[in-house]
């Protein structure tokens, strides 16, 4: 039996349960999730250094144990008003061989679900931002949007982050 999530075919063998673990978090009133295998750690917000001419949703960079990490505010990325409180967290994750921080309102739980529980994203999602989602997973009475981390930044924005990497590397050498 095969299941498809956004063009990715996943083999499901009879009698074998294929579970994935999703870290669920809030951005505004909505629930989102990331595959836990992409997450390195979850931290409290730290002092940011602003990057001139960065895209508006890039908050700046943080220094986490000697590693300078760009930080993206998902509220800004999803065109929502920004807000921070004591529940705000930064999810440190891997993206194209780089480390990136994602600011979220609250990390709520880690859930296990089978790949069969994940439905393709709604077909009416079109245009800018539609590619951010791999699928939808039901969580009790709520739907959780599964984020496609590779699509959170466009290729041009990823190149911009590479420029930030180059700047901080050259600054470290001096």
N, C-alpha and C. Protein backbone atom coordinates (compact mmCIF):
# COMPACT_ATOMS: atom_id res chain seq x y z
N UNK A 1 0.85 -1.17 0.00
CA UNK A 1 0.00 0.00 0.00
C UNK A 1 0.90 1.23 0.00
N UNK A 2 0.51 2.27 -0.73
CA UNK A 2 1.30 3.50 -0.78
C UNK A 2 0.43 4.68 -0.39
N UNK A 3 1.04 5.63 0.30
CA UNK A 3 0.37 6.89 0.63
C UNK A 3 1.20 8.01 0.04
N UNK A 4 0.56 9.08 -0.34
CA UNK A 4 1.29 10.20 -0.93
C UNK A 4 1.05 11.47 -0.12
N UNK A 5 2.14 12.14 0.21
CA UNK A 5 2.06 13.44 0.85
C UNK A 5 2.86 14.39 -0.03
N UNK A 6 2.19 15.32 -0.67
CA UNK A 6 2.78 16.30 -1.56
C UNK A 6 3.77 15.66 -2.53
N UNK A 7 3.32 14.70 -3.29
CA UNK A 7 4.14 14.10 -4.32
C UNK A 7 5.17 13.11 -3.80
N UNK A 8 5.29 12.95 -2.50
CA UNK A 8 6.25 12.01 -1.95
C UNK A 8 5.51 10.71 -1.67
N UNK A 9 5.93 9.65 -2.30
CA UNK A 9 5.29 8.37 -2.09
C UNK A 9 5.96 7.66 -0.93
N UNK A 10 5.18 7.17 -0.01
CA UNK A 10 5.68 6.50 1.18
C UNK A 10 5.12 5.08 1.20
N UNK A 11 5.99 4.10 1.28
CA UNK A 11 5.54 2.72 1.31
C UNK A 11 5.09 2.36 2.73
N UNK A 12 3.92 1.77 2.83
CA UNK A 12 3.39 1.34 4.12
C UNK A 12 3.15 -0.16 4.02
N UNK A 13 3.92 -0.93 4.77
CA UNK A 13 3.77 -2.38 4.75
C UNK A 13 2.68 -2.80 5.72
N UNK A 14 1.95 -3.83 5.34
CA UNK A 14 0.88 -4.34 6.20
C UNK A 14 1.48 -4.83 7.52
N UNK A 15 0.86 -4.47 8.62
CA UNK A 15 1.29 -4.93 9.93
C UNK A 15 2.44 -4.13 10.52
N UNK A 16 3.11 -3.27 9.76
CA UNK A 16 4.20 -2.46 10.28
C UNK A 16 3.69 -1.04 10.44
N UNK A 17 3.87 -0.51 11.61
CA UNK A 17 3.37 0.83 11.88
C UNK A 17 4.46 1.86 11.61
N UNK A 18 4.23 2.73 10.69
CA UNK A 18 5.19 3.78 10.35
C UNK A 18 4.75 5.07 11.02
N UNK A 19 5.39 5.36 12.12
CA UNK A 19 5.04 6.56 12.87
C UNK A 19 6.11 7.62 12.68
N UNK A 20 5.66 8.86 12.73
CA UNK A 20 6.60 9.96 12.80
C UNK A 20 6.24 10.77 14.03
N UNK A 21 7.23 11.44 14.58
CA UNK A 21 6.99 12.28 15.74
C UNK A 21 6.99 13.73 15.27
N UNK A 22 5.97 14.45 15.67
CA UNK A 22 5.83 15.84 15.27
C UNK A 22 5.89 16.73 16.50
N UNK A 23 6.72 17.76 16.43
CA UNK A 23 6.74 18.78 17.48
C UNK A 23 5.66 19.79 17.11
N UNK A 24 4.65 19.92 17.97
CA UNK A 24 3.52 20.82 17.71
C UNK A 24 3.77 22.16 18.40
N UNK A 25 3.42 23.24 17.72
CA UNK A 25 3.62 24.57 18.26
C UNK A 25 2.55 25.51 17.74
N UNK A 26 2.41 26.63 18.42
CA UNK A 26 1.43 27.64 18.05
C UNK A 26 2.11 28.84 17.41
N UNK A 27 1.41 29.36 16.41
CA UNK A 27 1.72 30.66 15.83
C UNK A 27 0.37 31.35 15.78
N UNK A 28 0.19 32.34 16.65
CA UNK A 28 -1.15 32.92 16.80
C UNK A 28 -2.07 31.84 17.33
N UNK A 29 -3.30 31.79 16.83
CA UNK A 29 -4.25 30.79 17.35
C UNK A 29 -4.10 29.41 16.69
N UNK A 30 -3.29 29.32 15.66
CA UNK A 30 -3.20 28.08 14.87
C UNK A 30 -2.09 27.16 15.35
N UNK A 31 -2.30 25.86 15.12
CA UNK A 31 -1.32 24.83 15.46
C UNK A 31 -0.56 24.42 14.21
N UNK A 32 0.75 24.27 14.36
CA UNK A 32 1.62 23.81 13.30
C UNK A 32 2.51 22.72 13.86
N UNK A 33 3.22 22.02 12.97
CA UNK A 33 4.11 20.97 13.44
C UNK A 33 5.30 20.82 12.49
N UNK A 34 6.39 20.33 13.05
CA UNK A 34 7.60 19.98 12.29
C UNK A 34 8.00 18.56 12.66
N UNK A 35 8.56 17.86 11.71
CA UNK A 35 9.11 16.54 11.99
C UNK A 35 10.22 16.72 13.02
N UNK A 36 10.14 15.99 14.10
CA UNK A 36 11.09 16.15 15.20
C UNK A 36 12.53 15.82 14.76
N UNK A 37 12.69 15.05 13.71
CA UNK A 37 14.03 14.70 13.24
C UNK A 37 14.76 15.90 12.66
N UNK A 38 14.05 16.96 12.33
CA UNK A 38 14.67 18.18 11.79
C UNK A 38 15.07 19.16 12.89
N UNK A 39 14.63 18.89 14.13
CA UNK A 39 14.85 19.82 15.24
C UNK A 39 16.07 19.39 16.05
N UNK A 40 16.95 20.36 16.31
CA UNK A 40 18.13 20.10 17.14
C UNK A 40 17.81 20.35 18.61
N UNK A 41 17.14 21.47 18.89
CA UNK A 41 16.75 21.79 20.26
C UNK A 41 15.74 22.92 20.25
N UNK A 42 15.15 23.16 21.41
CA UNK A 42 14.18 24.25 21.59
C UNK A 42 14.68 25.08 22.75
N UNK A 43 14.81 26.40 22.51
CA UNK A 43 15.39 27.28 23.52
C UNK A 43 14.48 28.49 23.77
N UNK A 44 14.75 29.20 24.86
CA UNK A 44 14.08 30.48 25.12
C UNK A 44 14.73 31.53 24.23
N UNK A 45 13.99 32.59 23.90
CA UNK A 45 14.58 33.65 23.08
C UNK A 45 15.83 34.24 23.75
N UNK A 46 16.81 34.58 22.91
CA UNK A 46 18.05 35.15 23.39
C UNK A 46 18.26 36.52 22.76
N UNK A 47 19.29 37.20 23.23
CA UNK A 47 19.62 38.51 22.68
C UNK A 47 19.95 38.37 21.20
N UNK A 48 19.26 39.17 20.39
CA UNK A 48 19.44 39.14 18.94
C UNK A 48 20.37 40.26 18.48
N UNK A 49 21.14 39.98 17.46
CA UNK A 49 21.89 41.01 16.75
C UNK A 49 21.19 41.22 15.42
N UNK A 50 20.77 42.44 15.15
CA UNK A 50 20.03 42.76 13.93
C UNK A 50 20.97 42.70 12.73
N UNK A 51 20.46 42.22 11.60
CA UNK A 51 21.22 42.15 10.35
C UNK A 51 20.66 43.18 9.39
N UNK A 52 21.46 44.19 9.02
CA UNK A 52 20.97 45.19 8.08
C UNK A 52 20.60 44.56 6.73
N UNK A 53 19.52 45.04 6.14
CA UNK A 53 19.04 44.64 4.81
C UNK A 53 18.61 43.17 4.74
N UNK A 54 18.36 42.55 5.87
CA UNK A 54 17.84 41.18 5.88
C UNK A 54 16.35 41.24 5.53
N UNK A 55 15.79 40.14 5.02
CA UNK A 55 14.33 40.12 4.79
C UNK A 55 13.60 40.46 6.08
N UNK A 56 12.40 41.05 5.99
CA UNK A 56 11.68 41.51 7.19
C UNK A 56 11.40 40.41 8.22
N UNK A 57 11.27 39.17 7.79
CA UNK A 57 10.96 38.10 8.73
C UNK A 57 12.20 37.52 9.40
N UNK A 58 13.39 37.93 8.99
CA UNK A 58 14.63 37.50 9.66
C UNK A 58 14.88 38.48 10.80
N UNK A 59 14.72 37.99 12.02
CA UNK A 59 14.85 38.82 13.21
C UNK A 59 16.28 39.27 13.44
N UNK A 60 17.23 38.44 13.09
CA UNK A 60 18.64 38.72 13.32
C UNK A 60 19.37 37.41 13.54
N UNK A 61 20.48 37.48 14.28
CA UNK A 61 21.24 36.27 14.60
C UNK A 61 21.44 36.19 16.10
N UNK A 62 21.59 34.95 16.58
CA UNK A 62 21.92 34.72 17.99
C UNK A 62 23.23 33.94 18.05
N UNK A 63 23.89 34.02 19.18
CA UNK A 63 25.10 33.24 19.42
C UNK A 63 24.72 32.14 20.39
N UNK A 64 24.66 30.92 19.89
CA UNK A 64 24.29 29.77 20.72
C UNK A 64 25.51 28.88 20.90
N UNK A 65 26.11 28.96 22.07
CA UNK A 65 27.31 28.19 22.40
C UNK A 65 28.39 28.33 21.32
N UNK A 66 28.63 29.57 20.90
CA UNK A 66 29.69 29.85 19.93
C UNK A 66 29.30 29.71 18.47
N UNK A 67 28.07 29.32 18.21
CA UNK A 67 27.58 29.18 16.83
C UNK A 67 26.59 30.31 16.56
N UNK A 68 26.85 31.08 15.50
CA UNK A 68 25.96 32.18 15.15
C UNK A 68 24.85 31.63 14.26
N UNK A 69 23.59 31.84 14.69
CA UNK A 69 22.44 31.22 14.03
C UNK A 69 21.45 32.29 13.60
N UNK A 70 21.07 32.33 12.30
CA UNK A 70 20.01 33.24 11.87
C UNK A 70 18.67 32.82 12.47
N UNK A 71 17.83 33.81 12.81
CA UNK A 71 16.55 33.53 13.44
C UNK A 71 15.42 34.14 12.60
N UNK A 72 14.45 33.28 12.24
CA UNK A 72 13.29 33.67 11.44
C UNK A 72 12.06 33.70 12.34
N UNK A 73 11.30 34.78 12.29
CA UNK A 73 10.05 34.89 13.04
C UNK A 73 8.93 34.35 12.16
N UNK A 74 8.35 33.21 12.53
CA UNK A 74 7.32 32.60 11.70
C UNK A 74 6.04 33.43 11.67
N UNK A 75 5.78 34.23 12.70
CA UNK A 75 4.61 35.13 12.65
C UNK A 75 4.78 36.10 11.47
N UNK A 76 5.96 36.69 11.37
CA UNK A 76 6.22 37.62 10.27
C UNK A 76 6.20 36.88 8.93
N UNK A 77 6.76 35.68 8.90
CA UNK A 77 6.80 34.90 7.67
C UNK A 77 5.40 34.59 7.17
N UNK A 78 4.48 34.37 8.10
CA UNK A 78 3.10 34.06 7.74
C UNK A 78 2.21 35.30 7.75
N UNK A 79 2.84 36.47 7.73
CA UNK A 79 2.12 37.76 7.68
C UNK A 79 1.12 37.93 8.81
N UNK A 80 1.52 37.57 10.02
CA UNK A 80 0.70 37.78 11.21
C UNK A 80 1.36 38.83 12.08
N UNK A 81 0.58 39.56 12.89
CA UNK A 81 1.19 40.56 13.77
C UNK A 81 2.11 39.88 14.78
N UNK A 82 3.21 40.55 15.10
CA UNK A 82 4.17 39.95 16.02
C UNK A 82 3.75 40.17 17.46
N UNK A 83 4.11 39.22 18.29
CA UNK A 83 3.84 39.29 19.73
C UNK A 83 4.77 38.31 20.42
N UNK A 84 5.28 38.70 21.56
CA UNK A 84 6.11 37.77 22.34
C UNK A 84 5.61 37.77 23.78
N UNK A 85 5.74 36.62 24.40
CA UNK A 85 5.45 36.51 25.83
C UNK A 85 6.37 35.45 26.42
N UNK A 86 6.12 35.08 27.63
CA UNK A 86 7.04 34.15 28.30
C UNK A 86 7.00 32.74 27.72
N UNK A 87 6.00 32.43 26.91
CA UNK A 87 5.92 31.11 26.28
C UNK A 87 6.64 31.05 24.94
N UNK A 88 7.07 32.20 24.41
CA UNK A 88 7.76 32.25 23.12
C UNK A 88 9.02 31.38 23.17
N UNK A 89 9.24 30.62 22.11
CA UNK A 89 10.41 29.75 22.02
C UNK A 89 11.06 29.89 20.66
N UNK A 90 12.32 29.47 20.58
CA UNK A 90 13.06 29.41 19.32
C UNK A 90 13.37 27.95 19.07
N UNK A 91 12.88 27.44 17.94
CA UNK A 91 13.16 26.06 17.55
C UNK A 91 14.41 26.08 16.68
N UNK A 92 15.46 25.43 17.14
CA UNK A 92 16.71 25.35 16.39
C UNK A 92 16.63 24.11 15.52
N UNK A 93 16.74 24.31 14.20
CA UNK A 93 16.56 23.18 13.29
C UNK A 93 17.56 23.22 12.14
N UNK A 94 17.61 22.12 11.40
CA UNK A 94 18.51 21.99 10.26
C UNK A 94 17.76 22.30 8.98
N UNK A 95 18.40 23.09 8.13
CA UNK A 95 17.82 23.44 6.84
C UNK A 95 18.95 23.49 5.82
N UNK A 96 18.94 22.56 4.88
CA UNK A 96 19.93 22.52 3.80
C UNK A 96 21.36 22.56 4.35
N UNK A 97 21.63 21.78 5.37
CA UNK A 97 22.97 21.71 5.94
C UNK A 97 23.33 22.89 6.83
N UNK A 98 22.42 23.80 7.04
CA UNK A 98 22.65 24.97 7.90
C UNK A 98 21.76 24.86 9.14
N UNK A 99 22.08 25.65 10.14
CA UNK A 99 21.27 25.69 11.34
C UNK A 99 20.50 27.00 11.34
N UNK A 100 19.22 26.92 11.70
CA UNK A 100 18.32 28.05 11.63
C UNK A 100 17.44 28.04 12.87
N UNK A 101 17.10 29.22 13.39
CA UNK A 101 16.17 29.33 14.51
C UNK A 101 14.83 29.83 14.02
N UNK A 102 13.75 29.24 14.51
CA UNK A 102 12.39 29.64 14.15
C UNK A 102 11.68 30.12 15.42
N UNK A 103 11.23 31.37 15.42
CA UNK A 103 10.51 31.91 16.57
C UNK A 103 9.05 31.49 16.47
N UNK A 104 8.55 30.83 17.53
CA UNK A 104 7.14 30.41 17.60
C UNK A 104 6.56 30.89 18.92
N UNK A 105 5.24 30.95 18.99
CA UNK A 105 4.57 31.46 20.19
C UNK A 105 4.67 30.51 21.38
N UNK A 106 4.58 29.21 21.12
CA UNK A 106 4.55 28.23 22.20
C UNK A 106 4.76 26.85 21.61
N UNK A 107 5.63 26.06 22.21
CA UNK A 107 5.78 24.66 21.81
C UNK A 107 4.91 23.87 22.77
N UNK A 108 3.94 23.13 22.22
CA UNK A 108 2.94 22.51 23.08
C UNK A 108 3.20 21.05 23.41
N UNK A 109 3.65 20.28 22.43
CA UNK A 109 3.80 18.85 22.68
C UNK A 109 4.52 18.17 21.52
N UNK A 110 4.90 16.93 21.76
CA UNK A 110 5.39 16.05 20.69
C UNK A 110 4.35 14.96 20.53
N UNK A 111 3.86 14.80 19.30
CA UNK A 111 2.82 13.81 19.02
C UNK A 111 3.33 12.78 18.05
N UNK A 112 2.89 11.57 18.24
CA UNK A 112 3.17 10.50 17.28
C UNK A 112 1.97 10.37 16.36
N UNK A 113 2.24 10.22 15.10
CA UNK A 113 1.15 9.94 14.17
C UNK A 113 1.69 9.06 13.06
N UNK A 114 0.80 8.32 12.46
CA UNK A 114 1.21 7.50 11.33
C UNK A 114 1.19 8.35 10.08
N UNK A 115 1.91 7.93 9.11
CA UNK A 115 1.92 8.67 7.84
C UNK A 115 0.53 8.67 7.22
N UNK A 116 -0.28 7.68 7.55
CA UNK A 116 -1.65 7.64 7.05
C UNK A 116 -2.51 8.74 7.66
N UNK A 117 -2.12 9.21 8.86
CA UNK A 117 -2.87 10.28 9.51
C UNK A 117 -2.66 11.63 8.83
N UNK A 118 -1.61 11.73 8.03
CA UNK A 118 -1.28 13.00 7.39
C UNK A 118 -1.95 13.06 6.02
N UNK A 119 -2.79 14.06 5.87
CA UNK A 119 -3.51 14.27 4.62
C UNK A 119 -2.78 15.34 3.81
N UNK A 120 -2.89 15.31 2.48
CA UNK A 120 -2.28 16.37 1.68
C UNK A 120 -2.86 17.72 2.06
N UNK A 121 -2.11 18.80 1.81
CA UNK A 121 -2.65 20.13 2.15
C UNK A 121 -3.89 20.43 1.33
N UNK A 122 -4.78 21.27 1.84
CA UNK A 122 -5.99 21.60 1.08
C UNK A 122 -5.63 22.14 -0.30
N UNK A 123 -6.38 21.72 -1.30
CA UNK A 123 -6.07 22.11 -2.67
C UNK A 123 -6.33 23.58 -2.93
N UNK A 124 -7.14 24.21 -2.10
CA UNK A 124 -7.42 25.62 -2.33
C UNK A 124 -6.27 26.52 -1.91
N UNK A 125 -5.25 25.95 -1.22
CA UNK A 125 -4.09 26.75 -0.86
C UNK A 125 -3.26 27.00 -2.11
N UNK A 126 -3.26 28.20 -2.57
CA UNK A 126 -2.52 28.57 -3.78
C UNK A 126 -1.77 29.86 -3.49
N UNK A 127 -0.78 30.13 -4.32
CA UNK A 127 -0.09 31.40 -4.23
C UNK A 127 1.01 31.40 -3.19
N UNK A 128 1.47 32.62 -2.85
CA UNK A 128 2.57 32.80 -1.92
C UNK A 128 2.26 32.13 -0.58
N UNK A 129 3.16 31.29 -0.14
CA UNK A 129 2.99 30.66 1.15
C UNK A 129 2.34 29.28 1.09
N UNK A 130 1.74 28.92 -0.03
CA UNK A 130 1.06 27.63 -0.12
C UNK A 130 2.05 26.47 -0.03
N UNK A 131 3.28 26.70 -0.49
CA UNK A 131 4.28 25.64 -0.47
C UNK A 131 4.87 25.40 0.91
N UNK A 132 4.49 26.22 1.90
CA UNK A 132 5.03 26.05 3.25
C UNK A 132 4.53 24.77 3.92
N UNK A 133 3.49 24.16 3.36
CA UNK A 133 2.82 23.07 4.06
C UNK A 133 2.95 21.74 3.33
N UNK A 134 3.36 20.70 4.08
CA UNK A 134 3.44 19.34 3.55
C UNK A 134 2.09 18.64 3.62
N UNK A 135 1.34 18.96 4.65
CA UNK A 135 0.07 18.28 4.84
C UNK A 135 -0.63 18.75 6.10
N UNK A 136 -1.70 18.04 6.41
CA UNK A 136 -2.53 18.36 7.57
C UNK A 136 -2.70 17.09 8.39
N UNK A 137 -2.55 17.22 9.69
CA UNK A 137 -2.72 16.09 10.61
C UNK A 137 -3.79 16.46 11.62
N UNK A 138 -4.70 15.54 11.87
CA UNK A 138 -5.77 15.79 12.84
C UNK A 138 -5.22 15.59 14.25
N UNK A 139 -5.51 16.54 15.12
CA UNK A 139 -5.10 16.48 16.52
C UNK A 139 -6.35 16.70 17.35
N UNK A 140 -6.92 15.63 17.86
CA UNK A 140 -8.18 15.66 18.59
C UNK A 140 -9.22 16.43 17.78
N UNK A 141 -9.65 17.61 18.25
CA UNK A 141 -10.67 18.35 17.50
C UNK A 141 -10.06 19.45 16.64
N UNK A 142 -8.73 19.44 16.49
CA UNK A 142 -8.05 20.51 15.78
C UNK A 142 -7.20 19.94 14.65
N UNK A 143 -7.02 20.74 13.60
CA UNK A 143 -6.13 20.36 12.51
C UNK A 143 -4.78 21.03 12.72
N UNK A 144 -3.72 20.27 12.47
CA UNK A 144 -2.36 20.77 12.63
C UNK A 144 -1.71 20.79 11.25
N UNK A 145 -1.20 21.96 10.87
CA UNK A 145 -0.54 22.09 9.57
C UNK A 145 0.91 21.65 9.71
N UNK A 146 1.32 20.68 8.91
CA UNK A 146 2.68 20.17 8.92
C UNK A 146 3.53 21.03 7.99
N UNK A 147 4.52 21.72 8.56
CA UNK A 147 5.34 22.64 7.79
C UNK A 147 6.40 21.91 6.97
N UNK A 148 6.63 22.42 5.77
CA UNK A 148 7.72 21.95 4.93
C UNK A 148 8.88 22.90 5.17
N UNK A 149 9.79 22.52 6.02
CA UNK A 149 10.89 23.38 6.43
C UNK A 149 11.71 23.86 5.23
N UNK A 150 11.86 23.00 4.23
CA UNK A 150 12.65 23.37 3.06
C UNK A 150 12.01 24.49 2.26
N UNK A 151 10.71 24.71 2.43
CA UNK A 151 10.01 25.75 1.68
C UNK A 151 9.81 27.04 2.47
N UNK A 152 10.15 27.04 3.75
CA UNK A 152 9.97 28.24 4.57
C UNK A 152 10.79 29.40 3.99
N UNK A 153 11.96 29.08 3.46
CA UNK A 153 12.77 30.09 2.80
C UNK A 153 12.86 29.75 1.32
N UNK A 154 12.70 30.75 0.47
CA UNK A 154 12.88 30.54 -0.97
C UNK A 154 14.36 30.34 -1.25
N UNK A 155 14.69 29.91 -2.46
CA UNK A 155 16.10 29.69 -2.79
C UNK A 155 16.90 30.98 -2.68
N UNK A 156 16.30 32.11 -3.06
CA UNK A 156 16.98 33.40 -2.93
C UNK A 156 17.24 33.76 -1.48
N UNK A 157 16.28 33.45 -0.63
CA UNK A 157 16.45 33.74 0.80
C UNK A 157 17.49 32.82 1.42
N UNK A 158 17.58 31.57 0.94
CA UNK A 158 18.61 30.66 1.42
C UNK A 158 19.99 31.17 1.03
N UNK A 159 20.09 31.72 -0.19
CA UNK A 159 21.36 32.30 -0.63
C UNK A 159 21.71 33.47 0.28
N UNK A 160 20.71 34.27 0.66
CA UNK A 160 20.93 35.38 1.59
C UNK A 160 21.47 34.89 2.91
N UNK A 161 20.96 33.77 3.41
CA UNK A 161 21.47 33.21 4.66
C UNK A 161 22.90 32.73 4.48
N UNK A 162 23.24 32.22 3.28
CA UNK A 162 24.63 31.83 3.01
C UNK A 162 25.54 33.05 3.09
N UNK A 163 25.05 34.21 2.64
CA UNK A 163 25.82 35.45 2.72
C UNK A 163 26.07 35.82 4.18
N UNK A 164 25.06 35.62 5.02
CA UNK A 164 25.21 35.89 6.46
C UNK A 164 26.28 34.97 7.03
N UNK A 165 26.24 33.69 6.61
CA UNK A 165 27.27 32.72 7.05
C UNK A 165 28.66 33.20 6.67
N UNK A 166 28.80 33.70 5.42
CA UNK A 166 30.11 34.15 4.94
C UNK A 166 30.59 35.36 5.74
N UNK A 167 29.68 36.28 6.03
CA UNK A 167 30.04 37.49 6.79
C UNK A 167 30.50 37.12 8.19
N UNK A 168 29.76 36.24 8.85
CA UNK A 168 30.14 35.91 10.22
C UNK A 168 31.42 35.07 10.25
N UNK A 169 31.67 34.26 9.18
CA UNK A 169 32.91 33.48 9.12
C UNK A 169 34.12 34.39 8.95
N UNK A 170 33.98 35.40 8.07
CA UNK A 170 35.09 36.32 7.85
C UNK A 170 35.34 37.18 9.08
N UNK A 171 34.28 37.52 9.81
CA UNK A 171 34.43 38.31 11.04
C UNK A 171 35.13 37.49 12.12
N UNK A 172 34.88 36.18 12.13
CA UNK A 172 35.49 35.32 13.14
C UNK A 172 36.98 35.13 12.89
N UNK A 173 37.40 35.19 11.61
CA UNK A 173 38.80 35.00 11.25
C UNK A 173 39.64 36.19 11.66
N UNK A 174 39.07 37.39 11.60
CA UNK A 174 39.83 38.63 11.90
C UNK A 174 40.19 38.74 13.34
